[in-house]
Amino acid sequence: MNLAAHTRPVLLVLLVVSVWRPAHGETIYKSVDSEGRVTYSSTPPPSGSRVEKLMLPSSPSEQDIRQARELAQRVETQGRQLESKRLEQEAAKKAEEERLRALQPPPPVVIEKPVYVPRAIYYPPVIERPPARPPRPPNKPRPVPDHR
């Protein structure tokens, strides 16, 4: 928020009110009617309501006006300084955030739907076996050798 932009209109209104009030009457009447409503007016209210007479302060002196202008200039200068300091701090904070973001690894990829990925099918190698042998004849008794 720019402080100087908000200070200027406020000071202008204060200066206008301080000059305008004495030119339009010095006495203000504050009255409260039977329903409790408060009314401010420069003319006396009708009888039957509580009346309070308010005296306005006299117009400001040249010294008061000069002091008000000096104060306004100091406030405006301070507002500009604070605004530039805030902008510098925001720029430094943004640069630090970008530096930290650059140091972080990228987020993992999340797949919401399952994805079919075909895989190679393993077929074992074919081994050729030698042909089968013919069956053996049944065992015959062996002749007993003669060692005589």
Protein backbone atom coordinates (compact mmCIF):
# COMPACT_ATOMS: atom_id res chain seq x y z
CA MET A 1 0.00 0.00 0.00
CA ASN A 2 1.39 3.40 -0.95
CA LEU A 3 1.39 5.60 2.16
CA ALA A 4 2.19 8.82 0.30
CA ALA A 5 -0.82 8.40 -1.98
CA HIS A 6 -3.14 8.23 1.06
CA THR A 7 -1.46 11.03 3.01
CA ARG A 8 -1.88 13.76 0.41
CA PRO A 9 -5.73 13.71 0.29
CA VAL A 10 -5.99 13.61 4.08
CA LEU A 11 -3.76 16.64 4.49
CA LEU A 12 -5.65 18.49 1.77
CA VAL A 13 -8.97 17.84 3.54
CA LEU A 14 -7.53 19.00 6.86
CA LEU A 15 -6.27 22.25 5.33
CA VAL A 16 -9.58 22.92 3.56
CA VAL A 17 -11.58 22.23 6.72
CA SER A 18 -9.34 24.47 8.82
CA VAL A 19 -9.83 27.37 6.37
CA TRP A 20 -13.50 26.67 5.62
CA ARG A 21 -14.80 26.36 9.18
CA PRO A 22 -14.05 29.91 10.40
CA ALA A 23 -15.42 31.42 7.19
CA HIS A 24 -18.83 29.77 7.69
CA GLY A 25 -19.56 30.54 11.29
CA GLU A 26 -17.88 30.06 14.59
CA THR A 27 -20.75 28.64 16.61
CA ILE A 28 -22.12 25.14 16.08
CA TYR A 29 -25.21 23.85 17.88
CA LYS A 30 -25.47 20.23 18.95
CA SER A 31 -29.00 19.13 19.75
CA VAL A 32 -30.59 15.84 20.83
CA ASP A 33 -34.29 15.37 20.03
CA SER A 34 -36.83 13.32 22.00
CA GLU A 35 -35.96 10.14 20.00
CA GLY A 36 -32.26 10.44 20.85
CA ARG A 37 -31.01 11.58 17.44
CA VAL A 38 -28.05 13.94 17.51
CA THR A 39 -28.03 16.89 15.09
CA TYR A 40 -25.25 19.41 14.42
CA SER A 41 -26.21 22.74 12.88
CA SER A 42 -25.04 26.34 12.52
CA THR A 43 -28.54 27.63 13.35
CA PRO A 44 -30.21 27.26 16.74
CA PRO A 45 -32.52 24.23 16.90
CA PRO A 46 -36.22 24.51 17.74
CA SER A 47 -37.09 24.66 21.42
CA GLY A 48 -37.87 21.43 23.22
CA SER A 49 -34.57 19.67 22.56
CA ARG A 50 -31.38 19.62 24.54
CA VAL A 51 -28.94 22.12 23.07
CA GLU A 52 -25.21 22.37 23.51
CA LYS A 53 -23.25 25.26 22.05
CA LEU A 54 -19.86 24.31 20.60
CA MET A 55 -17.26 26.93 19.92
CA LEU A 56 -14.92 26.25 17.04
CA PRO A 57 -11.25 26.93 17.47
CA SER A 58 -9.91 30.05 15.82
CA SER A 59 -8.22 29.80 12.45
CA PRO A 60 -4.66 28.47 12.48
CA SER A 61 -1.77 30.88 12.60
CA GLU A 62 0.92 31.08 9.92
CA GLN A 63 3.24 29.13 12.20
CA ASP A 64 0.64 26.33 12.58
CA ILE A 65 0.20 26.16 8.80
CA ARG A 66 3.97 26.05 8.24
CA GLN A 67 4.35 23.28 10.83
CA ALA A 68 1.54 21.30 9.22
CA ARG A 69 3.22 21.58 5.81
CA GLU A 70 6.58 20.49 7.24
CA LEU A 71 4.92 17.55 8.94
CA ALA A 72 3.18 16.60 5.69
CA GLN A 73 6.51 16.70 3.84
CA ARG A 74 8.20 14.55 6.49
CA VAL A 75 5.36 12.02 6.39
CA GLU A 76 5.46 11.91 2.59
CA THR A 77 9.25 11.45 2.57
CA GLN A 78 9.06 8.73 5.18
CA GLY A 79 6.26 7.05 3.21
CA ARG A 80 8.41 7.01 0.06
CA GLN A 81 11.35 5.56 2.01
CA LEU A 82 9.21 2.85 3.58
CA GLU A 83 7.66 2.00 0.21
CA SER A 84 11.07 1.63 -1.46
CA LYS A 85 12.31 -0.48 1.47
CA ARG A 86 9.24 -2.72 1.20
CA LEU A 87 9.77 -3.16 -2.54
CA GLU A 88 13.44 -4.08 -1.96
CA GLN A 89 12.45 -6.63 0.69
CA GLU A 90 9.83 -8.17 -1.61
CA ALA A 91 12.36 -8.42 -4.45
CA ALA A 92 14.92 -10.06 -2.14
CA LYS A 93 12.30 -12.49 -0.84
CA LYS A 94 11.22 -13.37 -4.38
CA ALA A 95 14.84 -13.94 -5.45
CA GLU A 96 15.44 -16.19 -2.42
CA GLU A 97 12.28 -18.19 -3.19
CA GLU A 98 13.40 -18.67 -6.80
CA ARG A 99 16.86 -19.76 -5.65
CA LEU A 100 15.38 -22.31 -3.25
CA ARG A 101 12.96 -23.55 -5.92
CA ALA A 102 15.88 -24.09 -8.31
CA LEU A 103 17.69 -26.22 -5.70
CA GLN A 104 14.77 -28.57 -5.15
CA PRO A 105 14.47 -31.71 -7.28
CA PRO A 106 11.52 -31.80 -9.64
CA PRO A 107 8.40 -33.41 -8.22
CA PRO A 108 7.82 -37.07 -9.08
CA VAL A 109 5.59 -37.92 -12.00
CA VAL A 110 2.33 -39.36 -10.77
CA ILE A 111 0.30 -41.43 -13.21
CA GLU A 112 -3.36 -41.30 -12.31
CA LYS A 113 -4.49 -44.11 -14.64
CA PRO A 114 -2.61 -47.40 -14.93
CA VAL A 115 -0.76 -47.73 -18.19
CA TYR A 116 -0.28 -51.08 -19.93
CA VAL A 117 3.31 -51.65 -20.90
CA PRO A 118 3.83 -54.83 -22.98
CA ARG A 119 6.76 -56.94 -21.83
CA ALA A 120 8.77 -59.48 -23.81
CA ILE A 121 7.68 -63.06 -23.22
CA TYR A 122 10.46 -65.48 -22.32
CA TYR A 123 10.48 -68.72 -24.26
CA PRO A 124 13.09 -71.19 -23.04
CA PRO A 125 15.44 -72.50 -25.72
CA VAL A 126 14.48 -75.75 -27.41
CA ILE A 127 16.93 -78.56 -26.72
CA GLU A 128 16.90 -81.47 -29.11
CA ARG A 129 17.28 -84.81 -27.34
CA PRO A 130 19.07 -87.71 -28.92
CA PRO A 131 16.80 -90.44 -30.25
CA ALA A 132 15.80 -93.07 -27.74
CA ARG A 133 17.76 -96.37 -27.67
CA PRO A 134 16.03 -99.55 -28.51
CA PRO A 135 14.95 -101.48 -25.45
CA ARG A 136 17.43 -104.08 -24.06
CA PRO A 137 16.61 -107.66 -24.28
CA PRO A 138 15.79 -109.29 -21.02
CA ASN A 139 18.74 -110.37 -18.95
CA LYS A 140 20.03 -113.82 -19.81
CA PRO A 141 22.00 -115.81 -17.32
CA ARG A 142 25.67 -115.68 -17.97
CA PRO A 143 27.56 -118.82 -18.59
CA VAL A 144 29.74 -119.80 -15.71
CA PRO A 145 33.32 -120.15 -16.80
CA ASP A 146 35.15 -123.36 -16.09
CA HIS A 147 38.35 -122.84 -14.25
CA ARG A 148 39.51 -126.26 -13.94
